[in-house]
């Protein structure tokens, strides 16, 4: 049997109580170089009307995921 342990992250870009975009990421604990990032537009109109904020939220999410990956790799990273 093969098993993989993963560290999983989930987030949303929610504006005026509307989830505009969903974020998810996973990092393999045993091999932190294996990183998966996913972004899904949940509300097309909300995303279109708030694209700038969605991009900011996505960048913040990515920064947090990459910081966790750096910690697992034992490298220092400035966010």
Protein backbone atom coordinates (compact mmCIF):
# COMPACT_ATOMS: atom_id res chain seq x y z
CA UNK A 1 0.00 0.00 0.00
CA UNK A 2 1.17 3.49 -0.81
CA UNK A 3 0.15 6.48 1.29
CA UNK A 4 0.76 10.16 0.87
CA UNK A 5 0.35 12.72 3.64
CA UNK A 6 -0.67 16.17 2.49
CA UNK A 7 -1.03 19.58 4.04
CA UNK A 8 -4.21 21.13 2.61
CA UNK A 9 -5.23 24.79 2.38
CA UNK A 10 -8.63 26.19 1.39
CA UNK A 11 -9.73 29.79 1.01
CA UNK A 12 -12.21 32.09 -0.66
CA UNK A 13 -12.40 35.61 -1.97
CA UNK A 14 -15.68 36.75 -0.45
CA UNK A 15 -16.94 40.24 -1.25
CA UNK A 16 -20.24 41.60 0.10
CA UNK A 17 -21.19 38.09 1.30
CA UNK A 18 -20.66 36.65 -2.21
CA UNK A 19 -17.99 33.98 -2.73
CA UNK A 20 -16.38 35.17 -5.96
CA UNK A 21 -13.42 32.78 -6.12
CA UNK A 22 -12.31 29.62 -4.31
CA UNK A 23 -8.69 28.66 -3.66
CA UNK A 24 -7.19 25.34 -2.70
CA UNK A 25 -3.69 24.01 -2.37
CA UNK A 26 -1.94 20.91 -1.14
CA UNK A 27 1.66 20.15 -0.26
CA UNK A 28 2.95 16.62 0.14
CA UNK A 29 4.44 16.31 3.62
CA UNK A 30 6.99 13.70 2.56
CA UNK A 31 8.00 15.63 -0.56
CA UNK A 32 7.17 19.34 -0.09
CA UNK A 33 8.39 20.19 -3.58
CA UNK A 34 5.13 18.64 -4.81
CA UNK A 35 2.71 21.55 -4.58
CA UNK A 36 -0.69 21.86 -6.20
CA UNK A 37 -2.59 25.16 -6.47
CA UNK A 38 -6.17 25.50 -7.76
CA UNK A 39 -8.34 28.56 -8.35
CA UNK A 40 -12.02 28.38 -9.30
CA UNK A 41 -14.28 31.31 -10.18
CA UNK A 42 -17.38 30.68 -8.08
CA UNK A 43 -19.44 33.68 -9.19
CA UNK A 44 -18.63 35.08 -12.63
CA UNK A 45 -20.33 38.44 -12.11
CA UNK A 46 -18.86 38.92 -8.64
CA UNK A 47 -15.41 37.99 -9.93
CA UNK A 48 -15.68 40.31 -12.94
CA UNK A 49 -16.88 43.22 -10.80
CA UNK A 50 -14.20 42.65 -8.12
CA UNK A 51 -11.31 41.22 -10.10
CA UNK A 52 -8.73 43.48 -8.46
CA UNK A 53 -9.69 42.35 -4.94
CA UNK A 54 -9.89 38.71 -6.05
CA UNK A 55 -6.33 38.97 -7.40
CA UNK A 56 -5.16 40.47 -4.08
CA UNK A 57 -6.83 37.66 -2.15
CA UNK A 58 -5.33 35.06 -4.48
CA UNK A 59 -1.85 36.55 -4.07
CA UNK A 60 -2.21 36.50 -0.27
CA UNK A 61 -3.35 32.86 -0.41
CA UNK A 62 -0.37 31.93 -2.61
CA UNK A 63 2.04 33.74 -0.25
CA UNK A 64 0.72 31.74 2.71
CA UNK A 65 0.99 28.44 0.84
CA UNK A 66 4.53 29.17 -0.39
CA UNK A 67 5.57 30.20 3.14
CA UNK A 68 4.30 26.86 4.48
CA UNK A 69 6.14 25.04 1.70
CA UNK A 70 9.36 26.90 2.53
CA UNK A 71 8.97 25.93 6.18
CA UNK A 72 8.53 22.25 5.24
CA UNK A 73 11.58 22.47 2.97
CA UNK A 74 13.60 24.13 5.73
CA UNK A 75 14.27 27.22 3.64
CA UNK A 76 13.63 30.80 4.60
CA UNK A 77 11.27 32.90 2.56
CA UNK A 78 10.10 36.46 3.05
CA UNK A 79 6.42 37.04 2.44
